[in-house]
Amino acid sequence: MHPNRIILSDRGSLAGLAYWPGPEQDFFTTMHSSLEDELSRYDAVIFLKLPLILLKK
């Protein structure tokens, strides 16, 4: 549809928590991590607006 466009999407390491079926702590235990450990991986967060092509579907 738009061959000259690139869409890059990376929700980061905590994205799986949104879909985790159990308690938050179980997520971190299973992943051998903690919220603090995951947040320490980032120096900054960049939020990009969704391309209009995705919103029109």
N, C-alpha and C. Protein backbone atom coordinates (compact mmCIF):
# COMPACT_ATOMS: atom_id res chain seq x y z
N MET A 1 0.82 -1.19 0.00
CA MET A 1 0.00 0.00 0.00
C MET A 1 0.86 1.26 0.00
N HIS A 2 1.89 1.28 0.86
CA HIS A 2 2.81 2.42 0.94
C HIS A 2 4.23 1.87 1.01
N PRO A 3 4.80 1.46 -0.11
CA PRO A 3 6.09 0.77 -0.10
C PRO A 3 7.26 1.61 0.38
N ASN A 4 7.14 2.91 0.41
CA ASN A 4 8.26 3.77 0.80
C ASN A 4 8.20 4.18 2.27
N ARG A 5 7.34 3.55 3.04
CA ARG A 5 7.20 3.90 4.46
C ARG A 5 7.68 2.75 5.33
N ILE A 6 8.26 3.12 6.45
CA ILE A 6 8.72 2.13 7.43
C ILE A 6 8.00 2.41 8.74
N ILE A 7 7.50 1.38 9.36
CA ILE A 7 6.89 1.52 10.68
C ILE A 7 7.74 0.70 11.64
N LEU A 8 8.26 1.37 12.65
CA LEU A 8 9.10 0.74 13.66
C LEU A 8 8.32 0.74 14.97
N SER A 9 8.21 -0.41 15.58
CA SER A 9 7.46 -0.52 16.82
C SER A 9 8.22 -1.41 17.80
N ASP A 10 8.53 -0.86 18.95
CA ASP A 10 9.17 -1.63 20.01
C ASP A 10 8.57 -1.16 21.32
N ARG A 11 7.82 -2.02 21.94
CA ARG A 11 7.14 -1.63 23.17
C ARG A 11 8.02 -1.80 24.39
N GLY A 12 9.16 -2.41 24.24
CA GLY A 12 10.06 -2.55 25.37
C GLY A 12 9.80 -3.79 26.20
N SER A 13 10.65 -3.99 27.18
CA SER A 13 10.63 -5.23 27.95
C SER A 13 9.43 -5.37 28.87
N LEU A 14 8.79 -4.27 29.22
CA LEU A 14 7.65 -4.35 30.13
C LEU A 14 6.32 -4.56 29.42
N ALA A 15 6.32 -4.62 28.11
CA ALA A 15 5.07 -4.77 27.36
C ALA A 15 4.34 -6.06 27.73
N GLY A 16 5.08 -7.12 27.98
CA GLY A 16 4.46 -8.39 28.33
C GLY A 16 3.62 -8.34 29.59
N LEU A 17 3.94 -7.42 30.47
CA LEU A 17 3.19 -7.29 31.72
C LEU A 17 1.73 -6.92 31.45
N ALA A 18 1.47 -6.19 30.39
CA ALA A 18 0.09 -5.80 30.06
C ALA A 18 -0.77 -7.00 29.73
N TYR A 19 -0.16 -8.08 29.27
CA TYR A 19 -0.90 -9.27 28.86
C TYR A 19 -0.74 -10.43 29.84
N TRP A 20 -0.02 -10.21 30.91
CA TRP A 20 0.25 -11.27 31.88
C TRP A 20 -1.05 -11.64 32.59
N PRO A 21 -1.39 -12.92 32.65
CA PRO A 21 -2.67 -13.33 33.21
C PRO A 21 -2.73 -13.35 34.74
N GLY A 22 -1.58 -13.27 35.37
CA GLY A 22 -1.56 -13.37 36.82
C GLY A 22 -1.10 -12.09 37.48
N PRO A 23 -0.77 -12.18 38.77
CA PRO A 23 -0.30 -11.01 39.50
C PRO A 23 1.02 -10.47 38.93
N GLU A 24 1.19 -9.17 39.08
CA GLU A 24 2.39 -8.49 38.57
C GLU A 24 3.67 -9.14 39.11
N GLN A 25 3.69 -9.46 40.39
CA GLN A 25 4.90 -10.04 40.98
C GLN A 25 5.26 -11.37 40.33
N ASP A 26 4.26 -12.16 39.93
CA ASP A 26 4.53 -13.42 39.26
C ASP A 26 5.26 -13.20 37.93
N PHE A 27 4.90 -12.12 37.24
CA PHE A 27 5.58 -11.77 35.99
C PHE A 27 7.07 -11.57 36.24
N PHE A 28 7.39 -10.75 37.22
CA PHE A 28 8.79 -10.44 37.49
C PHE A 28 9.55 -11.67 38.01
N THR A 29 8.90 -12.49 38.80
CA THR A 29 9.53 -13.71 39.28
C THR A 29 9.85 -14.64 38.11
N THR A 30 8.89 -14.82 37.23
CA THR A 30 9.08 -15.70 36.07
C THR A 30 10.17 -15.16 35.14
N MET A 31 10.25 -13.86 34.99
CA MET A 31 11.24 -13.24 34.11
C MET A 31 12.59 -13.02 34.80
N HIS A 32 12.68 -13.42 36.07
CA HIS A 32 13.91 -13.24 36.85
C HIS A 32 14.34 -11.78 36.83
N SER A 33 13.40 -10.89 37.12
CA SER A 33 13.65 -9.46 37.05
C SER A 33 12.79 -8.75 38.09
N SER A 34 12.82 -7.43 38.06
CA SER A 34 11.98 -6.60 38.92
C SER A 34 11.64 -5.33 38.15
N LEU A 35 10.65 -4.59 38.63
CA LEU A 35 10.30 -3.34 37.97
C LEU A 35 11.51 -2.40 37.95
N GLU A 36 12.21 -2.34 39.06
CA GLU A 36 13.39 -1.46 39.14
C GLU A 36 14.46 -1.87 38.13
N ASP A 37 14.69 -3.19 37.99
CA ASP A 37 15.69 -3.66 37.02
C ASP A 37 15.28 -3.29 35.59
N GLU A 38 14.01 -3.47 35.27
CA GLU A 38 13.55 -3.17 33.92
C GLU A 38 13.62 -1.68 33.63
N LEU A 39 13.19 -0.86 34.57
CA LEU A 39 13.24 0.59 34.36
C LEU A 39 14.67 1.11 34.25
N SER A 40 15.61 0.44 34.92
CA SER A 40 17.00 0.89 34.89
C SER A 40 17.65 0.66 33.51
N ARG A 41 17.00 -0.12 32.66
CA ARG A 41 17.54 -0.39 31.32
C ARG A 41 17.40 0.82 30.39
N TYR A 42 16.57 1.77 30.76
CA TYR A 42 16.25 2.90 29.88
C TYR A 42 16.86 4.19 30.38
N ASP A 43 17.45 4.94 29.46
CA ASP A 43 17.93 6.28 29.75
C ASP A 43 16.86 7.31 29.40
N ALA A 44 16.03 6.95 28.43
CA ALA A 44 14.97 7.85 27.97
C ALA A 44 13.90 7.01 27.27
N VAL A 45 12.74 7.61 27.14
CA VAL A 45 11.65 6.98 26.40
C VAL A 45 11.20 7.95 25.33
N ILE A 46 11.07 7.45 24.12
CA ILE A 46 10.60 8.27 23.01
C ILE A 46 9.21 7.79 22.63
N PHE A 47 8.26 8.69 22.60
CA PHE A 47 6.90 8.35 22.19
C PHE A 47 6.66 8.98 20.83
N LEU A 48 6.34 8.15 19.87
CA LEU A 48 6.05 8.64 18.54
C LEU A 48 4.56 8.49 18.28
N LYS A 49 3.98 9.48 17.64
CA LYS A 49 2.56 9.45 17.30
C LYS A 49 2.29 8.38 16.26
N LEU A 50 1.15 7.70 16.39
CA LEU A 50 0.78 6.68 15.41
C LEU A 50 0.62 7.30 14.02
N PRO A 51 1.11 6.61 13.01
CA PRO A 51 0.90 7.09 11.64
C PRO A 51 -0.60 7.11 11.33
N LEU A 52 -1.06 8.11 10.61
CA LEU A 52 -2.47 8.21 10.28
C LEU A 52 -2.97 6.99 9.51
N ILE A 53 -2.11 6.38 8.73
CA ILE A 53 -2.50 5.20 7.95
C ILE A 53 -3.01 4.10 8.87
N LEU A 54 -2.45 3.98 10.07
CA LEU A 54 -2.90 2.96 11.02
C LEU A 54 -4.22 3.34 11.67
N LEU A 55 -4.45 4.63 11.83
CA LEU A 55 -5.67 5.09 12.49
C LEU A 55 -6.88 5.03 11.57
N LYS A 56 -6.67 5.03 10.28
CA LYS A 56 -7.77 5.05 9.31
C LYS A 56 -8.30 3.68 8.98
N LYS A 57 -7.69 2.63 9.51
CA LYS A 57 -8.14 1.27 9.19
C LYS A 57 -9.40 0.92 9.94
